[in-house]
Amino acid sequence: MKITRQKHAKKHLGFFRNNFGVREPYQILLDGTFCQAALRGRIQLRDQLPRYLMGETQLCTTRIRTYL
């Protein structure tokens, strides 16, 4: 990850940690559209998100509704 991107991520995580009490493991809510875009771009979310957030993550997905 580039240095400037890493600095920005660290700054934003520090803001949420101090003001809202967000702490590890970070729970990340993913929807189907985001997962599909990551799949098209060949991005391994399970590997990339912990590196980007510099900590442990827990991935959560939305439910798929089927209409009959």
PDB file of N, CA and C in Angstrom:
ATOM      1  N   MET A   1       0.846  -1.165   0.000  1.00  0.00           N
ATOM      2  CA  MET A   1       0.000   0.000   0.000  1.00  0.00           C
ATOM      3  C   MET A   1       0.893   1.230   0.000  1.00  0.00           C
ATOM      4  N   LYS A   2       0.496   2.232  -0.745  1.00  0.00           N
ATOM      5  CA  LYS A   2       1.290   3.444  -0.826  1.00  0.00           C
ATOM      6  C   LYS A   2       1.262   4.178   0.517  1.00  0.00           C
ATOM      7  N   ILE A   3       2.303   4.929   0.780  1.00  0.00           N
ATOM      8  CA  ILE A   3       2.460   5.599   2.065  1.00  0.00           C
ATOM      9  C   ILE A   3       1.327   6.575   2.342  1.00  0.00           C
ATOM     10  N   THR A   4       0.932   7.382   1.361  1.00  0.00           N
ATOM     11  CA  THR A   4      -0.122   8.371   1.600  1.00  0.00           C
ATOM     12  C   THR A   4      -1.454   7.696   1.897  1.00  0.00           C
ATOM     13  N   ARG A   5      -1.764   6.606   1.195  1.00  0.00           N
ATOM     14  CA  ARG A   5      -3.003   5.877   1.455  1.00  0.00           C
ATOM     15  C   ARG A   5      -2.978   5.273   2.849  1.00  0.00           C
ATOM     16  N   GLN A   6      -1.829   4.763   3.249  1.00  0.00           N
ATOM     17  CA  GLN A   6      -1.692   4.168   4.576  1.00  0.00           C
ATOM     18  C   GLN A   6      -1.853   5.229   5.668  1.00  0.00           C
ATOM     19  N   LYS A   7      -1.306   6.412   5.446  1.00  0.00           N
ATOM     20  CA  LYS A   7      -1.443   7.503   6.420  1.00  0.00           C
ATOM     21  C   LYS A   7      -2.891   7.935   6.563  1.00  0.00           C
ATOM     22  N   HIS A   8      -3.598   8.038   5.432  1.00  0.00           N
ATOM     23  CA  HIS A   8      -5.001   8.433   5.481  1.00  0.00           C
ATOM     24  C   HIS A   8      -5.844   7.390   6.213  1.00  0.00           C
ATOM     25  N   ALA A   9      -5.602   6.130   5.923  1.00  0.00           N
ATOM     26  CA  ALA A   9      -6.356   5.063   6.581  1.00  0.00           C
ATOM     27  C   ALA A   9      -6.084   5.072   8.078  1.00  0.00           C
ATOM     28  N   LYS A  10      -4.850   5.249   8.466  1.00  0.00           N
ATOM     29  CA  LYS A  10      -4.486   5.276   9.882  1.00  0.00           C
ATOM     30  C   LYS A  10      -5.138   6.465  10.584  1.00  0.00           C
ATOM     31  N   LYS A  11      -5.177   7.608   9.912  1.00  0.00           N
ATOM     32  CA  LYS A  11      -5.787   8.814  10.468  1.00  0.00           C
ATOM     33  C   LYS A  11      -7.288   8.610  10.680  1.00  0.00           C
ATOM     34  N   HIS A  12      -7.968   8.053   9.683  1.00  0.00           N
ATOM     35  CA  HIS A  12      -9.409   7.842   9.793  1.00  0.00           C
ATOM     36  C   HIS A  12      -9.742   6.786  10.843  1.00  0.00           C
ATOM     37  N   LEU A  13      -8.963   5.716  10.907  1.00  0.00           N
ATOM     38  CA  LEU A  13      -9.201   4.700  11.927  1.00  0.00           C
ATOM     39  C   LEU A  13      -8.993   5.270  13.322  1.00  0.00           C
ATOM     40  N   GLY A  14      -7.990   6.130  13.483  1.00  0.00           N
ATOM     41  CA  GLY A  14      -7.758   6.775  14.777  1.00  0.00           C
ATOM     42  C   GLY A  14      -8.928   7.653  15.179  1.00  0.00           C
ATOM     43  N   PHE A  15      -9.512   8.366  14.215  1.00  0.00           N
ATOM     44  CA  PHE A  15     -10.678   9.207  14.488  1.00  0.00           C
ATOM     45  C   PHE A  15     -11.836   8.360  15.006  1.00  0.00           C
ATOM     46  N   PHE A  16     -12.154   7.267  14.305  1.00  0.00           N
ATOM     47  CA  PHE A  16     -13.261   6.419  14.728  1.00  0.00           C
ATOM     48  C   PHE A  16     -12.958   5.702  16.039  1.00  0.00           C
ATOM     49  N   ARG A  17     -11.720   5.345  16.260  1.00  0.00           N
ATOM     50  CA  ARG A  17     -11.331   4.689  17.505  1.00  0.00           C
ATOM     51  C   ARG A  17     -11.527   5.632  18.691  1.00  0.00           C
ATOM     52  N   ASN A  18     -11.117   6.885  18.545  1.00  0.00           N
ATOM     53  CA  ASN A  18     -11.200   7.845  19.644  1.00  0.00           C
ATOM     54  C   ASN A  18     -12.611   8.369  19.878  1.00  0.00           C
ATOM     55  N   ASN A  19     -13.364   8.605  18.819  1.00  0.00           N
ATOM     56  CA  ASN A  19     -14.675   9.231  18.967  1.00  0.00           C
ATOM     57  C   ASN A  19     -15.835   8.251  19.128  1.00  0.00           C
ATOM     58  N   PHE A  20     -15.735   7.076  18.544  1.00  0.00           N
ATOM     59  CA  PHE A  20     -16.851   6.149  18.560  1.00  0.00           C
ATOM     60  C   PHE A  20     -16.531   4.808  19.226  1.00  0.00           C
ATOM     61  N   GLY A  21     -15.310   4.613  19.666  1.00  0.00           N
ATOM     62  CA  GLY A  21     -14.950   3.378  20.355  1.00  0.00           C
ATOM     63  C   GLY A  21     -14.852   2.163  19.443  1.00  0.00           C
ATOM     64  N   VAL A  22     -14.611   2.364  18.159  1.00  0.00           N
ATOM     65  CA  VAL A  22     -14.454   1.247  17.221  1.00  0.00           C
ATOM     66  C   VAL A  22     -13.120   0.569  17.506  1.00  0.00           C
ATOM     67  N   ARG A  23     -13.141  -0.743  17.612  1.00  0.00           N
ATOM     68  CA  ARG A  23     -11.897  -1.461  17.906  1.00  0.00           C
ATOM     69  C   ARG A  23     -11.889  -2.795  17.161  1.00  0.00           C
ATOM     70  N   GLU A  24     -10.758  -3.454  17.193  1.00  0.00           N
ATOM     71  CA  GLU A  24     -10.602  -4.738  16.508  1.00  0.00           C
ATOM     72  C   GLU A  24     -11.386  -5.814  17.237  1.00  0.00           C
ATOM     73  N   PRO A  25     -11.820  -6.840  16.565  1.00  0.00           N
ATOM     74  CA  PRO A  25     -11.815  -7.052  15.129  1.00  0.00           C
ATOM     75  C   PRO A  25     -12.863  -6.162  14.470  1.00  0.00           C
ATOM     76  N   TYR A  26     -12.477  -5.511  13.388  1.00  0.00           N
ATOM     77  CA  TYR A  26     -13.383  -4.625  12.665  1.00  0.00           C
ATOM     78  C   TYR A  26     -14.419  -5.474  11.943  1.00  0.00           C
ATOM     79  N   GLN A  27     -15.694  -5.188  12.186  1.00  0.00           N
ATOM     80  CA  GLN A  27     -16.762  -5.912  11.502  1.00  0.00           C
ATOM     81  C   GLN A  27     -17.163  -5.110  10.272  1.00  0.00           C
ATOM     82  N   ILE A  28     -16.993  -5.696   9.105  1.00  0.00           N
ATOM     83  CA  ILE A  28     -17.240  -5.013   7.849  1.00  0.00           C
ATOM     84  C   ILE A  28     -18.440  -5.660   7.179  1.00  0.00           C
ATOM     85  N   LEU A  29     -19.452  -4.836   6.892  1.00  0.00           N
ATOM     86  CA  LEU A  29     -20.656  -5.313   6.236  1.00  0.00           C
ATOM     87  C   LEU A  29     -20.497  -5.172   4.725  1.00  0.00           C
ATOM     88  N   LEU A  30     -20.604  -6.287   4.030  1.00  0.00           N
ATOM     89  CA  LEU A  30     -20.463  -6.318   2.571  1.00  0.00           C
ATOM     90  C   LEU A  30     -21.792  -6.719   1.948  1.00  0.00           C
ATOM     91  N   ASP A  31     -22.148  -6.069   0.843  1.00  0.00           N
ATOM     92  CA  ASP A  31     -23.341  -6.484   0.115  1.00  0.00           C
ATOM     93  C   ASP A  31     -22.935  -7.203  -1.165  1.00  0.00           C
ATOM     94  N   GLY A  32     -23.912  -7.751  -1.825  1.00  0.00           N
ATOM     95  CA  GLY A  32     -23.641  -8.540  -3.023  1.00  0.00           C
ATOM     96  C   GLY A  32     -22.990  -7.745  -4.143  1.00  0.00           C
ATOM     97  N   THR A  33     -23.373  -6.480  -4.280  1.00  0.00           N
ATOM     98  CA  THR A  33     -22.814  -5.643  -5.332  1.00  0.00           C
ATOM     99  C   THR A  33     -21.325  -5.423  -5.115  1.00  0.00           C
ATOM    100  N   PHE A  34     -20.943  -5.152  -3.877  1.00  0.00           N
ATOM    101  CA  PHE A  34     -19.529  -4.938  -3.552  1.00  0.00           C
ATOM    102  C   PHE A  34     -18.724  -6.213  -3.776  1.00  0.00           C
ATOM    103  N   CYS A  35     -19.267  -7.338  -3.354  1.00  0.00           N
ATOM    104  CA  CYS A  35     -18.574  -8.621  -3.549  1.00  0.00           C
ATOM    105  C   CYS A  35     -18.419  -8.943  -5.028  1.00  0.00           C
ATOM    106  N   GLN A  36     -19.455  -8.644  -5.812  1.00  0.00           N
ATOM    107  CA  GLN A  36     -19.390  -8.914  -7.244  1.00  0.00           C
ATOM    108  C   GLN A  36     -18.344  -8.032  -7.919  1.00  0.00           C
ATOM    109  N   ALA A  37     -18.268  -6.763  -7.522  1.00  0.00           N
ATOM    110  CA  ALA A  37     -17.272  -5.860  -8.100  1.00  0.00           C
ATOM    111  C   ALA A  37     -15.861  -6.313  -7.730  1.00  0.00           C
ATOM    112  N   ALA A  38     -15.681  -6.780  -6.501  1.00  0.00           N
ATOM    113  CA  ALA A  38     -14.371  -7.286  -6.085  1.00  0.00           C
ATOM    114  C   ALA A  38     -14.009  -8.540  -6.864  1.00  0.00           C
ATOM    115  N   LEU A  39     -14.985  -9.370  -7.123  1.00  0.00           N
ATOM    116  CA  LEU A  39     -14.737 -10.587  -7.890  1.00  0.00           C
ATOM    117  C   LEU A  39     -14.333 -10.257  -9.327  1.00  0.00           C
ATOM    118  N   ARG A  40     -15.001  -9.283  -9.923  1.00  0.00           N
ATOM    119  CA  ARG A  40     -14.643  -8.866 -11.282  1.00  0.00           C
ATOM    120  C   ARG A  40     -13.232  -8.275 -11.335  1.00  0.00           C
ATOM    121  N   GLY A  41     -12.868  -7.540 -10.299  1.00  0.00           N
ATOM    122  CA  GLY A  41     -11.544  -6.927 -10.257  1.00  0.00           C
ATOM    123  C   GLY A  41     -10.472  -7.853  -9.709  1.00  0.00           C
ATOM    124  N   ARG A  42     -10.850  -9.093  -9.449  1.00  0.00           N
ATOM    125  CA  ARG A  42      -9.925 -10.106  -8.923  1.00  0.00           C
ATOM    126  C   ARG A  42      -9.238  -9.638  -7.642  1.00  0.00           C
ATOM    127  N   ILE A  43     -10.043  -9.088  -6.727  1.00  0.00           N
ATOM    128  CA  ILE A  43      -9.534  -8.622  -5.434  1.00  0.00           C
ATOM    129  C   ILE A  43      -9.944  -9.641  -4.378  1.00  0.00           C
ATOM    130  N   GLN A  44      -8.983 -10.111  -3.630  1.00  0.00           N
ATOM    131  CA  GLN A  44      -9.236 -11.056  -2.545  1.00  0.00           C
ATOM    132  C   GLN A  44      -9.555 -10.260  -1.279  1.00  0.00           C
ATOM    133  N   LEU A  45     -10.844 -10.087  -1.000  1.00  0.00           N
ATOM    134  CA  LEU A  45     -11.263  -9.247   0.125  1.00  0.00           C
ATOM    135  C   LEU A  45     -10.754  -9.771   1.462  1.00  0.00           C
ATOM    136  N   ARG A  46     -10.787 -11.070   1.630  1.00  0.00           N
ATOM    137  CA  ARG A  46     -10.364 -11.650   2.913  1.00  0.00           C
ATOM    138  C   ARG A  46      -8.882 -11.360   3.204  1.00  0.00           C
ATOM    139  N   ASP A  47      -8.083 -11.203   2.168  1.00  0.00           N
ATOM    140  CA  ASP A  47      -6.659 -10.917   2.347  1.00  0.00           C
ATOM    141  C   ASP A  47      -6.368  -9.417   2.368  1.00  0.00           C
ATOM    142  N   GLN A  48      -7.064  -8.642   1.530  1.00  0.00           N
ATOM    143  CA  GLN A  48      -6.735  -7.234   1.360  1.00  0.00           C
ATOM    144  C   GLN A  48      -7.270  -6.334   2.474  1.00  0.00           C
ATOM    145  N   LEU A  49      -8.476  -6.580   2.954  1.00  0.00           N
ATOM    146  CA  LEU A  49      -9.062  -5.685   3.956  1.00  0.00           C
ATOM    147  C   LEU A  49      -8.276  -5.636   5.272  1.00  0.00           C
ATOM    148  N   PRO A  50      -7.813  -6.768   5.811  1.00  0.00           N
ATOM    149  CA  PRO A  50      -6.997  -6.663   7.036  1.00  0.00           C
ATOM    150  C   PRO A  50      -5.706  -5.880   6.824  1.00  0.00           C
ATOM    151  N   ARG A  51      -5.119  -5.996   5.641  1.00  0.00           N
ATOM    152  CA  ARG A  51      -3.898  -5.223   5.369  1.00  0.00           C
ATOM    153  C   ARG A  51      -4.204  -3.736   5.262  1.00  0.00           C
ATOM    154  N   TYR A  52      -5.325  -3.399   4.632  1.00  0.00           N
ATOM    155  CA  TYR A  52      -5.683  -1.994   4.455  1.00  0.00           C
ATOM    156  C   TYR A  52      -6.061  -1.347   5.791  1.00  0.00           C
ATOM    157  N   LEU A  53      -6.791  -2.090   6.630  1.00  0.00           N
ATOM    158  CA  LEU A  53      -7.223  -1.552   7.915  1.00  0.00           C
ATOM    159  C   LEU A  53      -6.187  -1.742   9.019  1.00  0.00           C
ATOM    160  N   MET A  54      -5.101  -2.407   8.693  1.00  0.00           N
ATOM    161  CA  MET A  54      -4.008  -2.644   9.643  1.00  0.00           C
ATOM    162  C   MET A  54      -4.501  -3.299  10.923  1.00  0.00           C
ATOM    163  N   GLY A  55      -5.327  -4.317  10.782  1.00  0.00           N
ATOM    164  CA  GLY A  55      -5.842  -5.022  11.942  1.00  0.00           C
ATOM    165  C   GLY A  55      -6.701  -6.199  11.533  1.00  0.00           C
ATOM    166  N   GLU A  56      -7.214  -6.871  12.527  1.00  0.00           N
ATOM    167  CA  GLU A  56      -8.034  -8.040  12.312  1.00  0.00           C
ATOM    168  C   GLU A  56      -9.431  -7.611  11.867  1.00  0.00           C
ATOM    169  N   THR A  57     -10.011  -8.344  10.927  1.00  0.00           N
ATOM    170  CA  THR A  57     -11.339  -8.004  10.423  1.00  0.00           C
ATOM    171  C   THR A  57     -12.254  -9.211  10.466  1.00  0.00           C
ATOM    172  N   GLN A  58     -13.545  -8.915  10.522  1.00  0.00           N
ATOM    173  CA  GLN A  58     -14.571  -9.947  10.451  1.00  0.00           C
ATOM    174  C   GLN A  58     -15.537  -9.511   9.357  1.00  0.00           C
ATOM    175  N   LEU A  59     -15.663 -10.306   8.310  1.00  0.00           N
ATOM    176  CA  LEU A  59     -16.509  -9.950   7.183  1.00  0.00           C
ATOM    177  C   LEU A  59     -17.921 -10.468   7.406  1.00  0.00           C
ATOM    178  N   CYS A  60     -18.901  -9.591   7.223  1.00  0.00           N
ATOM    179  CA  CYS A  60     -20.312  -9.941   7.347  1.00  0.00           C
ATOM    180  C   CYS A  60     -20.995  -9.607   6.032  1.00  0.00           C
ATOM    181  N   THR A  61     -21.939 -10.443   5.615  1.00  0.00           N
ATOM    182  CA  THR A  61     -22.648 -10.206   4.362  1.00  0.00           C
ATOM    183  C   THR A  61     -24.128 -10.021   4.642  1.00  0.00           C
ATOM    184  N   THR A  62     -24.804  -9.354   3.709  1.00  0.00           N
ATOM    185  CA  THR A  62     -26.244  -9.170   3.830  1.00  0.00           C
ATOM    186  C   THR A  62     -26.938 -10.431   3.360  1.00  0.00           C
ATOM    187  N   ARG A  63     -28.178 -10.585   3.763  1.00  0.00           N
ATOM    188  CA  ARG A  63     -28.944 -11.749   3.341  1.00  0.00           C
ATOM    189  C   ARG A  63     -29.416 -11.577   1.913  1.00  0.00           C
ATOM    190  N   ILE A  64     -29.543 -12.681   1.234  1.00  0.00           N
ATOM    191  CA  ILE A  64     -30.060 -12.672  -0.120  1.00  0.00           C
ATOM    192  C   ILE A  64     -31.559 -12.991  -0.023  1.00  0.00           C
ATOM    193  N   ARG A  65     -32.353 -12.096  -0.535  1.00  0.00           N
ATOM    194  CA  ARG A  65     -33.802 -12.319  -0.509  1.00  0.00           C
ATOM    195  C   ARG A  65     -34.225 -12.868  -1.843  1.00  0.00           C
ATOM    196  N   THR A  66     -35.047 -13.877  -1.799  1.00  0.00           N
ATOM    197  CA  THR A  66     -35.596 -14.419  -3.032  1.00  0.00           C
ATOM    198  C   THR A  66     -37.085 -14.179  -3.020  1.00  0.00           C
ATOM    199  N   TYR A  67     -37.603 -13.685  -4.081  1.00  0.00           N
ATOM    200  CA  TYR A  67     -39.019 -13.432  -4.232  1.00  0.00           C
ATOM    201  C   TYR A  67     -39.608 -14.484  -5.142  1.00  0.00           C
ATOM    202  N   LEU A  68     -40.669 -15.075  -4.695  1.00  0.00           N
ATOM    203  CA  LEU A  68     -41.316 -16.117  -5.499  1.00  0.00           C
ATOM    204  C   LEU A  68     -42.415 -15.542  -6.333  1.00  0.00           C
TER     205      LEU A  68
END
